[in-house]
Amino acid sequence: MSPALVLTTVNAPHRKQLNAQQLADCLKNQAKAKAVAGHMSVFFGEVDPALQLAFASLFEITEPELVAAAKAFAAYSGASYPLAA
């Protein structure tokens, strides 16, 4: 799985562009995620959950860790996301 599709989707509506490592770091660190809330909202809300899981696995983020990140971001943002359900 190439992270290009995920990054294209996540970065499309934003002036600031994240690279794959930066996005992965945000999945591991809530403070970093909050600093780019728009990107994270797109990742959790618009990227297919299967692609989210594939992207995370490239950076050794387990499914439980990704689900925990989705739930934490959902609690922060007030939005609902498939992986946070």
PDB file of N, CA and C in Angstrom:
ATOM      1  N   MET A   1       0.843  -1.177   0.000  1.00  0.00           N
ATOM      2  CA  MET A   1       0.000   0.000   0.000  1.00  0.00           C
ATOM      3  C   MET A   1       0.884   1.233   0.000  1.00  0.00           C
ATOM      4  N   SER A   2       0.642   2.090  -0.934  1.00  0.00           N
ATOM      5  CA  SER A   2       1.353   3.363  -0.996  1.00  0.00           C
ATOM      6  C   SER A   2       0.569   4.398  -0.197  1.00  0.00           C
ATOM      7  N   PRO A   3       1.242   5.179   0.605  1.00  0.00           N
ATOM      8  CA  PRO A   3       0.531   6.206   1.369  1.00  0.00           C
ATOM      9  C   PRO A   3       0.062   7.382   0.517  1.00  0.00           C
ATOM     10  N   ALA A   4       0.377   7.393  -0.767  1.00  0.00           N
ATOM     11  CA  ALA A   4       0.066   8.546  -1.622  1.00  0.00           C
ATOM     12  C   ALA A   4      -1.425   8.870  -1.646  1.00  0.00           C
ATOM     13  N   LEU A   5      -2.289   7.875  -1.779  1.00  0.00           N
ATOM     14  CA  LEU A   5      -3.728   8.125  -1.828  1.00  0.00           C
ATOM     15  C   LEU A   5      -4.216   8.742  -0.522  1.00  0.00           C
ATOM     16  N   VAL A   6      -3.750   8.218   0.581  1.00  0.00           N
ATOM     17  CA  VAL A   6      -4.134   8.752   1.889  1.00  0.00           C
ATOM     18  C   VAL A   6      -3.667  10.200   2.013  1.00  0.00           C
ATOM     19  N   LEU A   7      -2.419  10.453   1.670  1.00  0.00           N
ATOM     20  CA  LEU A   7      -1.870  11.809   1.797  1.00  0.00           C
ATOM     21  C   LEU A   7      -2.562  12.788   0.859  1.00  0.00           C
ATOM     22  N   THR A   8      -2.882  12.353  -0.349  1.00  0.00           N
ATOM     23  CA  THR A   8      -3.592  13.229  -1.285  1.00  0.00           C
ATOM     24  C   THR A   8      -4.928  13.648  -0.694  1.00  0.00           C
ATOM     25  N   THR A   9      -5.637  12.699  -0.116  1.00  0.00           N
ATOM     26  CA  THR A   9      -6.944  12.996   0.478  1.00  0.00           C
ATOM     27  C   THR A   9      -6.801  13.907   1.690  1.00  0.00           C
ATOM     28  N   VAL A  10      -5.877  13.568   2.571  1.00  0.00           N
ATOM     29  CA  VAL A  10      -5.690  14.323   3.819  1.00  0.00           C
ATOM     30  C   VAL A  10      -5.215  15.748   3.545  1.00  0.00           C
ATOM     31  N   ASN A  11      -4.322  15.902   2.591  1.00  0.00           N
ATOM     32  CA  ASN A  11      -3.727  17.213   2.331  1.00  0.00           C
ATOM     33  C   ASN A  11      -4.544  18.099   1.399  1.00  0.00           C
ATOM     34  N   ALA A  12      -5.451  17.519   0.617  1.00  0.00           N
ATOM     35  CA  ALA A  12      -6.158  18.267  -0.425  1.00  0.00           C
ATOM     36  C   ALA A  12      -6.773  19.580   0.055  1.00  0.00           C
ATOM     37  N   PRO A  13      -7.514  19.591   1.154  1.00  0.00           N
ATOM     38  CA  PRO A  13      -8.171  20.849   1.522  1.00  0.00           C
ATOM     39  C   PRO A  13      -7.310  21.807   2.356  1.00  0.00           C
ATOM     40  N   HIS A  14      -6.027  21.498   2.500  1.00  0.00           N
ATOM     41  CA  HIS A  14      -5.201  22.283   3.426  1.00  0.00           C
ATOM     42  C   HIS A  14      -3.979  22.878   2.738  1.00  0.00           C
ATOM     43  N   ARG A  15      -3.630  24.060   3.175  1.00  0.00           N
ATOM     44  CA  ARG A  15      -2.418  24.717   2.670  1.00  0.00           C
ATOM     45  C   ARG A  15      -1.178  23.989   3.178  1.00  0.00           C
ATOM     46  N   LYS A  16      -1.156  23.677   4.469  1.00  0.00           N
ATOM     47  CA  LYS A  16      -0.030  22.943   5.044  1.00  0.00           C
ATOM     48  C   LYS A  16      -0.127  21.486   4.592  1.00  0.00           C
ATOM     49  N   GLN A  17       0.958  20.954   4.095  1.00  0.00           N
ATOM     50  CA  GLN A  17       0.994  19.578   3.621  1.00  0.00           C
ATOM     51  C   GLN A  17       1.771  18.708   4.611  1.00  0.00           C
ATOM     52  N   LEU A  18       1.194  17.587   4.978  1.00  0.00           N
ATOM     53  CA  LEU A  18       1.874  16.635   5.842  1.00  0.00           C
ATOM     54  C   LEU A  18       2.492  15.537   4.989  1.00  0.00           C
ATOM     55  N   ASN A  19       3.651  15.050   5.418  1.00  0.00           N
ATOM     56  CA  ASN A  19       4.194  13.865   4.772  1.00  0.00           C
ATOM     57  C   ASN A  19       3.734  12.638   5.570  1.00  0.00           C
ATOM     58  N   ALA A  20       4.040  11.472   5.078  1.00  0.00           N
ATOM     59  CA  ALA A  20       3.548  10.241   5.701  1.00  0.00           C
ATOM     60  C   ALA A  20       4.017  10.108   7.147  1.00  0.00           C
ATOM     61  N   GLN A  21       5.260  10.435   7.414  1.00  0.00           N
ATOM     62  CA  GLN A  21       5.777  10.301   8.778  1.00  0.00           C
ATOM     63  C   GLN A  21       5.086  11.285   9.721  1.00  0.00           C
ATOM     64  N   GLN A  22       4.844  12.495   9.259  1.00  0.00           N
ATOM     65  CA  GLN A  22       4.155  13.477  10.097  1.00  0.00           C
ATOM     66  C   GLN A  22       2.737  13.021  10.427  1.00  0.00           C
ATOM     67  N   LEU A  23       2.043  12.468   9.440  1.00  0.00           N
ATOM     68  CA  LEU A  23       0.698  11.964   9.689  1.00  0.00           C
ATOM     69  C   LEU A  23       0.737  10.809  10.679  1.00  0.00           C
ATOM     70  N   ALA A  24       1.679   9.911  10.506  1.00  0.00           N
ATOM     71  CA  ALA A  24       1.822   8.786  11.435  1.00  0.00           C
ATOM     72  C   ALA A  24       2.120   9.289  12.852  1.00  0.00           C
ATOM     73  N   ASP A  25       2.962  10.299  12.962  1.00  0.00           N
ATOM     74  CA  ASP A  25       3.270  10.870  14.276  1.00  0.00           C
ATOM     75  C   ASP A  25       2.011  11.423  14.936  1.00  0.00           C
ATOM     76  N   CYS A  26       1.128  12.000  14.146  1.00  0.00           N
ATOM     77  CA  CYS A  26      -0.126  12.523  14.684  1.00  0.00           C
ATOM     78  C   CYS A  26      -1.031  11.400  15.186  1.00  0.00           C
ATOM     79  N   LEU A  27      -0.941  10.247  14.566  1.00  0.00           N
ATOM     80  CA  LEU A  27      -1.732   9.106  15.020  1.00  0.00           C
ATOM     81  C   LEU A  27      -1.218   8.565  16.351  1.00  0.00           C
ATOM     82  N   LYS A  28       0.030   8.822  16.630  1.00  0.00           N
ATOM     83  CA  LYS A  28       0.656   8.333  17.869  1.00  0.00           C
ATOM     84  C   LYS A  28       0.627   9.362  18.994  1.00  0.00           C
ATOM     85  N   ASN A  29       0.362  10.630  18.667  1.00  0.00           N
ATOM     86  CA  ASN A  29       0.500  11.712  19.647  1.00  0.00           C
ATOM     87  C   ASN A  29      -0.681  12.670  19.527  1.00  0.00           C
ATOM     88  N   GLN A  30      -1.530  12.692  20.528  1.00  0.00           N
ATOM     89  CA  GLN A  30      -2.738  13.524  20.489  1.00  0.00           C
ATOM     90  C   GLN A  30      -2.444  15.013  20.412  1.00  0.00           C
ATOM     91  N   ALA A  31      -1.384  15.475  21.042  1.00  0.00           N
ATOM     92  CA  ALA A  31      -1.053  16.897  20.967  1.00  0.00           C
ATOM     93  C   ALA A  31      -0.735  17.284  19.525  1.00  0.00           C
ATOM     94  N   LYS A  32       0.009  16.431  18.835  1.00  0.00           N
ATOM     95  CA  LYS A  32       0.321  16.695  17.428  1.00  0.00           C
ATOM     96  C   LYS A  32      -0.947  16.619  16.586  1.00  0.00           C
ATOM     97  N   ALA A  33      -1.821  15.680  16.894  1.00  0.00           N
ATOM     98  CA  ALA A  33      -3.080  15.540  16.149  1.00  0.00           C
ATOM     99  C   ALA A  33      -3.933  16.797  16.299  1.00  0.00           C
ATOM    100  N   LYS A  34      -4.001  17.325  17.499  1.00  0.00           N
ATOM    101  CA  LYS A  34      -4.807  18.527  17.740  1.00  0.00           C
ATOM    102  C   LYS A  34      -4.242  19.731  16.992  1.00  0.00           C
ATOM    103  N   ALA A  35      -2.930  19.758  16.780  1.00  0.00           N
ATOM    104  CA  ALA A  35      -2.300  20.881  16.078  1.00  0.00           C
ATOM    105  C   ALA A  35      -2.659  20.906  14.596  1.00  0.00           C
ATOM    106  N   VAL A  36      -3.074  19.770  14.056  1.00  0.00           N
ATOM    107  CA  VAL A  36      -3.493  19.689  12.651  1.00  0.00           C
ATOM    108  C   VAL A  36      -4.867  19.020  12.600  1.00  0.00           C
ATOM    109  N   ALA A  37      -5.778  19.594  13.349  1.00  0.00           N
ATOM    110  CA  ALA A  37      -7.110  18.998  13.515  1.00  0.00           C
ATOM    111  C   ALA A  37      -7.834  18.789  12.188  1.00  0.00           C
ATOM    112  N   GLY A  38      -7.678  19.701  11.257  1.00  0.00           N
ATOM    113  CA  GLY A  38      -8.335  19.547   9.966  1.00  0.00           C
ATOM    114  C   GLY A  38      -7.856  18.321   9.219  1.00  0.00           C
ATOM    115  N   HIS A  39      -6.559  18.121   9.214  1.00  0.00           N
ATOM    116  CA  HIS A  39      -5.984  16.944   8.561  1.00  0.00           C
ATOM    117  C   HIS A  39      -6.501  15.658   9.217  1.00  0.00           C
ATOM    118  N   MET A  40      -6.542  15.673  10.533  1.00  0.00           N
ATOM    119  CA  MET A  40      -6.971  14.471  11.252  1.00  0.00           C
ATOM    120  C   MET A  40      -8.450  14.198  11.025  1.00  0.00           C
ATOM    121  N   SER A  41      -9.234  15.241  10.946  1.00  0.00           N
ATOM    122  CA  SER A  41     -10.657  15.078  10.666  1.00  0.00           C
ATOM    123  C   SER A  41     -10.862  14.428   9.299  1.00  0.00           C
ATOM    124  N   VAL A  42     -10.095  14.874   8.311  1.00  0.00           N
ATOM    125  CA  VAL A  42     -10.182  14.275   6.979  1.00  0.00           C
ATOM    126  C   VAL A  42      -9.716  12.820   7.034  1.00  0.00           C
ATOM    127  N   PHE A  43      -8.616  12.555   7.713  1.00  0.00           N
ATOM    128  CA  PHE A  43      -8.105  11.189   7.790  1.00  0.00           C
ATOM    129  C   PHE A  43      -9.157  10.253   8.369  1.00  0.00           C
ATOM    130  N   PHE A  44      -9.694  10.609   9.526  1.00  0.00           N
ATOM    131  CA  PHE A  44     -10.646   9.716  10.190  1.00  0.00           C
ATOM    132  C   PHE A  44     -12.032   9.731   9.544  1.00  0.00           C
ATOM    133  N   GLY A  45     -12.389  10.839   8.888  1.00  0.00           N
ATOM    134  CA  GLY A  45     -13.736  10.956   8.356  1.00  0.00           C
ATOM    135  C   GLY A  45     -13.892  10.670   6.883  1.00  0.00           C
ATOM    136  N   GLU A  46     -12.838  10.866   6.095  1.00  0.00           N
ATOM    137  CA  GLU A  46     -12.974  10.728   4.647  1.00  0.00           C
ATOM    138  C   GLU A  46     -12.143   9.607   4.034  1.00  0.00           C
ATOM    139  N   VAL A  47     -11.109   9.167   4.724  1.00  0.00           N
ATOM    140  CA  VAL A  47     -10.299   8.057   4.225  1.00  0.00           C
ATOM    141  C   VAL A  47     -10.983   6.759   4.649  1.00  0.00           C
ATOM    142  N   ASP A  48     -11.142   5.851   3.706  1.00  0.00           N
ATOM    143  CA  ASP A  48     -11.767   4.560   3.993  1.00  0.00           C
ATOM    144  C   ASP A  48     -11.056   3.886   5.174  1.00  0.00           C
ATOM    145  N   PRO A  49     -11.811   3.327   6.127  1.00  0.00           N
ATOM    146  CA  PRO A  49     -11.187   2.680   7.282  1.00  0.00           C
ATOM    147  C   PRO A  49     -10.152   1.610   6.914  1.00  0.00           C
ATOM    148  N   ALA A  50     -10.376   0.877   5.830  1.00  0.00           N
ATOM    149  CA  ALA A  50      -9.385  -0.129   5.413  1.00  0.00           C
ATOM    150  C   ALA A  50      -8.065   0.541   5.026  1.00  0.00           C
ATOM    151  N   LEU A  51      -8.147   1.684   4.370  1.00  0.00           N
ATOM    152  CA  LEU A  51      -6.932   2.431   4.027  1.00  0.00           C
ATOM    153  C   LEU A  51      -6.282   3.031   5.266  1.00  0.00           C
ATOM    154  N   GLN A  52      -7.099   3.462   6.228  1.00  0.00           N
ATOM    155  CA  GLN A  52      -6.542   3.963   7.487  1.00  0.00           C
ATOM    156  C   GLN A  52      -5.714   2.868   8.158  1.00  0.00           C
ATOM    157  N   LEU A  53      -6.275   1.679   8.213  1.00  0.00           N
ATOM    158  CA  LEU A  53      -5.578   0.553   8.848  1.00  0.00           C
ATOM    159  C   LEU A  53      -4.308   0.186   8.087  1.00  0.00           C
ATOM    160  N   ALA A  54      -4.383   0.182   6.762  1.00  0.00           N
ATOM    161  CA  ALA A  54      -3.201  -0.138   5.953  1.00  0.00           C
ATOM    162  C   ALA A  54      -2.110   0.910   6.149  1.00  0.00           C
ATOM    163  N   PHE A  55      -2.513   2.189   6.157  1.00  0.00           N
ATOM    164  CA  PHE A  55      -1.544   3.260   6.380  1.00  0.00           C
ATOM    165  C   PHE A  55      -0.891   3.093   7.753  1.00  0.00           C
ATOM    166  N   ALA A  56      -1.704   2.898   8.761  1.00  0.00           N
ATOM    167  CA  ALA A  56      -1.174   2.756  10.124  1.00  0.00           C
ATOM    168  C   ALA A  56      -0.190   1.597  10.217  1.00  0.00           C
ATOM    169  N   SER A  57      -0.508   0.487   9.580  1.00  0.00           N
ATOM    170  CA  SER A  57       0.367  -0.687   9.674  1.00  0.00           C
ATOM    171  C   SER A  57       1.740  -0.420   9.066  1.00  0.00           C
ATOM    172  N   LEU A  58       1.808   0.474   8.069  1.00  0.00           N
ATOM    173  CA  LEU A  58       3.109   0.832   7.494  1.00  0.00           C
ATOM    174  C   LEU A  58       4.031   1.467   8.532  1.00  0.00           C
ATOM    175  N   PHE A  59       3.431   2.058   9.548  1.00  0.00           N
ATOM    176  CA  PHE A  59       4.198   2.755  10.582  1.00  0.00           C
ATOM    177  C   PHE A  59       4.123   2.028  11.926  1.00  0.00           C
ATOM    178  N   GLU A  60       3.809   0.730  11.835  1.00  0.00           N
ATOM    179  CA  GLU A  60       3.763  -0.145  13.015  1.00  0.00           C
ATOM    180  C   GLU A  60       2.802   0.357  14.079  1.00  0.00           C
ATOM    181  N   ILE A  61       1.697   0.917  13.630  1.00  0.00           N
ATOM    182  CA  ILE A  61       0.612   1.311  14.519  1.00  0.00           C
ATOM    183  C   ILE A  61      -0.432   0.211  14.418  1.00  0.00           C
ATOM    184  N   THR A  62      -0.729  -0.405  15.541  1.00  0.00           N
ATOM    185  CA  THR A  62      -1.660  -1.531  15.536  1.00  0.00           C
ATOM    186  C   THR A  62      -3.102  -1.047  15.391  1.00  0.00           C
ATOM    187  N   GLU A  63      -3.986  -1.968  15.063  1.00  0.00           N
ATOM    188  CA  GLU A  63      -5.401  -1.607  14.959  1.00  0.00           C
ATOM    189  C   GLU A  63      -5.939  -1.055  16.278  1.00  0.00           C
ATOM    190  N   PRO A  64      -5.649  -1.699  17.428  1.00  0.00           N
ATOM    191  CA  PRO A  64      -6.132  -1.120  18.696  1.00  0.00           C
ATOM    192  C   PRO A  64      -5.579   0.292  18.947  1.00  0.00           C
ATOM    193  N   GLU A  65      -4.344   0.537  18.570  1.00  0.00           N
ATOM    194  CA  GLU A  65      -3.766   1.876  18.745  1.00  0.00           C
ATOM    195  C   GLU A  65      -4.465   2.889  17.833  1.00  0.00           C
ATOM    196  N   LEU A  66      -4.767   2.479  16.606  1.00  0.00           N
ATOM    197  CA  LEU A  66      -5.448   3.373  15.680  1.00  0.00           C
ATOM    198  C   LEU A  66      -6.874   3.662  16.148  1.00  0.00           C
ATOM    199  N   VAL A  67      -7.555   2.643  16.612  1.00  0.00           N
ATOM    200  CA  VAL A  67      -8.915   2.831  17.139  1.00  0.00           C
ATOM    201  C   VAL A  67      -8.883   3.775  18.338  1.00  0.00           C
ATOM    202  N   ALA A  68      -7.899   3.603  19.211  1.00  0.00           N
ATOM    203  CA  ALA A  68      -7.766   4.492  20.374  1.00  0.00           C
ATOM    204  C   ALA A  68      -7.520   5.931  19.925  1.00  0.00           C
ATOM    205  N   ALA A  69      -6.696   6.111  18.893  1.00  0.00           N
ATOM    206  CA  ALA A  69      -6.436   7.457  18.370  1.00  0.00           C
ATOM    207  C   ALA A  69      -7.709   8.057  17.782  1.00  0.00           C
ATOM    208  N   ALA A  70      -8.477   7.254  17.064  1.00  0.00           N
ATOM    209  CA  ALA A  70      -9.731   7.728  16.478  1.00  0.00           C
ATOM    210  C   ALA A  70     -10.719   8.131  17.567  1.00  0.00           C
ATOM    211  N   LYS A  71     -10.815   7.317  18.604  1.00  0.00           N
ATOM    212  CA  LYS A  71     -11.729   7.625  19.709  1.00  0.00           C
ATOM    213  C   LYS A  71     -11.295   8.899  20.442  1.00  0.00           C
ATOM    214  N   ALA A  72     -10.005   9.043  20.671  1.00  0.00           N
ATOM    215  CA  ALA A  72      -9.502  10.231  21.364  1.00  0.00           C
ATOM    216  C   ALA A  72      -9.744  11.484  20.521  1.00  0.00           C
ATOM    217  N   PHE A  73      -9.518  11.374  19.207  1.00  0.00           N
ATOM    218  CA  PHE A  73      -9.743  12.544  18.361  1.00  0.00           C
ATOM    219  C   PHE A  73     -11.227  12.853  18.251  1.00  0.00           C
ATOM    220  N   ALA A  74     -12.056  11.841  18.203  1.00  0.00           N
ATOM    221  CA  ALA A  74     -13.506  12.050  18.163  1.00  0.00           C
ATOM    222  C   ALA A  74     -13.972  12.767  19.429  1.00  0.00           C
ATOM    223  N   ALA A  75     -13.439  12.364  20.573  1.00  0.00           N
ATOM    224  CA  ALA A  75     -13.797  13.015  21.830  1.00  0.00           C
ATOM    225  C   ALA A  75     -13.360  14.477  21.815  1.00  0.00           C
ATOM    226  N   TYR A  76     -12.190  14.740  21.255  1.00  0.00           N
ATOM    227  CA  TYR A  76     -11.670  16.111  21.171  1.00  0.00           C
ATOM    228  C   TYR A  76     -12.498  16.959  20.207  1.00  0.00           C
ATOM    229  N   SER A  77     -12.795  16.400  19.038  1.00  0.00           N
ATOM    230  CA  SER A  77     -13.435  17.181  17.981  1.00  0.00           C
ATOM    231  C   SER A  77     -14.958  17.223  18.069  1.00  0.00           C
ATOM    232  N   GLY A  78     -15.532  16.247  18.758  1.00  0.00           N
ATOM    233  CA  GLY A  78     -16.981  16.171  18.826  1.00  0.00           C
ATOM    234  C   GLY A  78     -17.599  15.528  17.609  1.00  0.00           C
ATOM    235  N   ALA A  79     -16.775  15.045  16.695  1.00  0.00           N
ATOM    236  CA  ALA A  79     -17.268  14.377  15.485  1.00  0.00           C
ATOM    237  C   ALA A  79     -17.301  12.867  15.701  1.00  0.00           C
ATOM    238  N   SER A  80     -17.997  12.176  14.818  1.00  0.00           N
ATOM    239  CA  SER A  80     -18.004  10.714  14.899  1.00  0.00           C
ATOM    240  C   SER A  80     -17.266  10.169  13.668  1.00  0.00           C
ATOM    241  N   TYR A  81     -16.525   9.125  13.890  1.00  0.00           N
ATOM    242  CA  TYR A  81     -15.718   8.501  12.846  1.00  0.00           C
ATOM    243  C   TYR A  81     -15.941   6.996  12.875  1.00  0.00           C
ATOM    244  N   PRO A  82     -15.865   6.341  11.717  1.00  0.00           N
ATOM    245  CA  PRO A  82     -16.128   4.888  11.670  1.00  0.00           C
ATOM    246  C   PRO A  82     -15.284   4.081  12.656  1.00  0.00           C
ATOM    247  N   LEU A  83     -13.985   4.371  12.752  1.00  0.00           N
ATOM    248  CA  LEU A  83     -13.138   3.577  13.646  1.00  0.00           C
ATOM    249  C   LEU A  83     -13.367   3.901  15.119  1.00  0.00           C
ATOM    250  N   ALA A  84     -14.019   5.019  15.391  1.00  0.00           N
ATOM    251  CA  ALA A  84     -14.266   5.414  16.774  1.00  0.00           C
ATOM    252  C   ALA A  84     -15.604   4.896  17.299  1.00  0.00           C
ATOM    253  N   ALA A  85     -16.366   4.256  16.416  1.00  0.00           N
ATOM    254  CA  ALA A  85     -17.701   3.789  16.803  1.00  0.00           C
ATOM    255  C   ALA A  85     -17.657   2.627  17.773  1.00  0.00           C
TER     256      ALA A  85
END
